[in-house]
Amino acid sequence: MILGRGYKAISWDRLEKGDPVSNLLISHYGERYRVELTVQVLGDINQRDLAERLSRAAIL
């Protein structure tokens, strides 16, 4: 996956600590980009319906 300009991947050691991924996404990428990134991942794993629902819900 290619991250947006200025963003870096979450390090493995932070992921391995067991913190909830949602908290890591918010702290590392911020509220807005977290949603964009999650929609992209859901699309990549063929969960397009969930990606569309999240995208619509985030607009509200």
Protein backbone atom coordinates (compact mmCIF):
# COMPACT_ATOMS: atom_id res chain seq x y z
CA MET A 1 0.00 0.00 0.00
CA ILE A 2 1.26 3.45 -0.86
CA LEU A 3 0.67 6.06 1.84
CA GLY A 4 -0.13 9.67 1.09
CA ARG A 5 2.61 12.23 0.91
CA GLY A 6 4.06 13.02 4.32
CA TYR A 7 2.73 9.87 5.99
CA LYS A 8 4.83 6.94 7.20
CA ALA A 9 3.85 3.41 8.15
CA ILE A 10 3.15 2.54 11.76
CA SER A 11 6.19 0.71 13.09
CA TRP A 12 5.96 -3.00 13.87
CA ASP A 13 6.97 -2.45 17.48
CA ARG A 14 3.97 -0.15 18.00
CA LEU A 15 1.66 -2.71 16.40
CA GLU A 16 3.10 -5.54 18.49
CA LYS A 17 2.38 -3.73 21.76
CA GLY A 18 -1.25 -4.74 21.39
CA ASP A 19 -2.82 -1.30 21.34
CA PRO A 20 -6.14 -1.18 19.48
CA VAL A 21 -5.45 -0.51 15.80
CA SER A 22 -8.12 2.21 15.74
CA ASN A 23 -6.20 4.15 18.40
CA LEU A 24 -2.95 3.74 16.48
CA LEU A 25 -4.56 4.96 13.27
CA ILE A 26 -5.92 8.08 14.97
CA SER A 27 -2.70 8.93 16.80
CA HIS A 28 -0.48 8.24 13.79
CA TYR A 29 -2.57 9.55 10.89
CA GLY A 30 -5.27 11.76 12.41
CA GLU A 31 -9.05 11.49 12.12
CA ARG A 32 -9.49 12.33 8.45
CA TYR A 33 -6.65 10.34 6.90
CA ARG A 34 -7.47 7.38 9.15
CA VAL A 35 -10.83 7.06 7.40
CA GLU A 36 -9.32 7.46 3.93
CA LEU A 37 -6.73 4.80 4.70
CA THR A 38 -9.29 2.38 6.12
CA VAL A 39 -11.54 2.81 3.06
CA GLN A 40 -8.54 2.07 0.84
CA VAL A 41 -7.62 -1.07 2.81
CA LEU A 42 -11.21 -2.34 2.76
CA GLY A 43 -11.31 -1.88 -1.01
CA ASP A 44 -7.99 -3.68 -1.40
CA ILE A 45 -9.29 -6.72 0.50
CA ASN A 46 -12.46 -6.83 -1.58
CA GLN A 47 -14.72 -5.38 1.12
CA ARG A 48 -16.05 -2.64 -1.13
CA ASP A 49 -19.49 -2.58 0.46
CA LEU A 50 -17.96 -1.84 3.87
CA ALA A 51 -15.64 0.72 2.29
CA GLU A 52 -18.61 2.50 0.70
CA ARG A 53 -20.60 2.45 3.95
CA LEU A 54 -17.66 3.87 5.91
CA SER A 55 -17.05 6.52 3.29
CA ARG A 56 -20.70 7.62 3.38
CA ALA A 57 -20.80 7.59 7.20
CA ALA A 58 -17.64 9.68 7.43
CA ILE A 59 -19.21 12.43 5.35
CA LEU A 60 -22.06 12.90 7.83
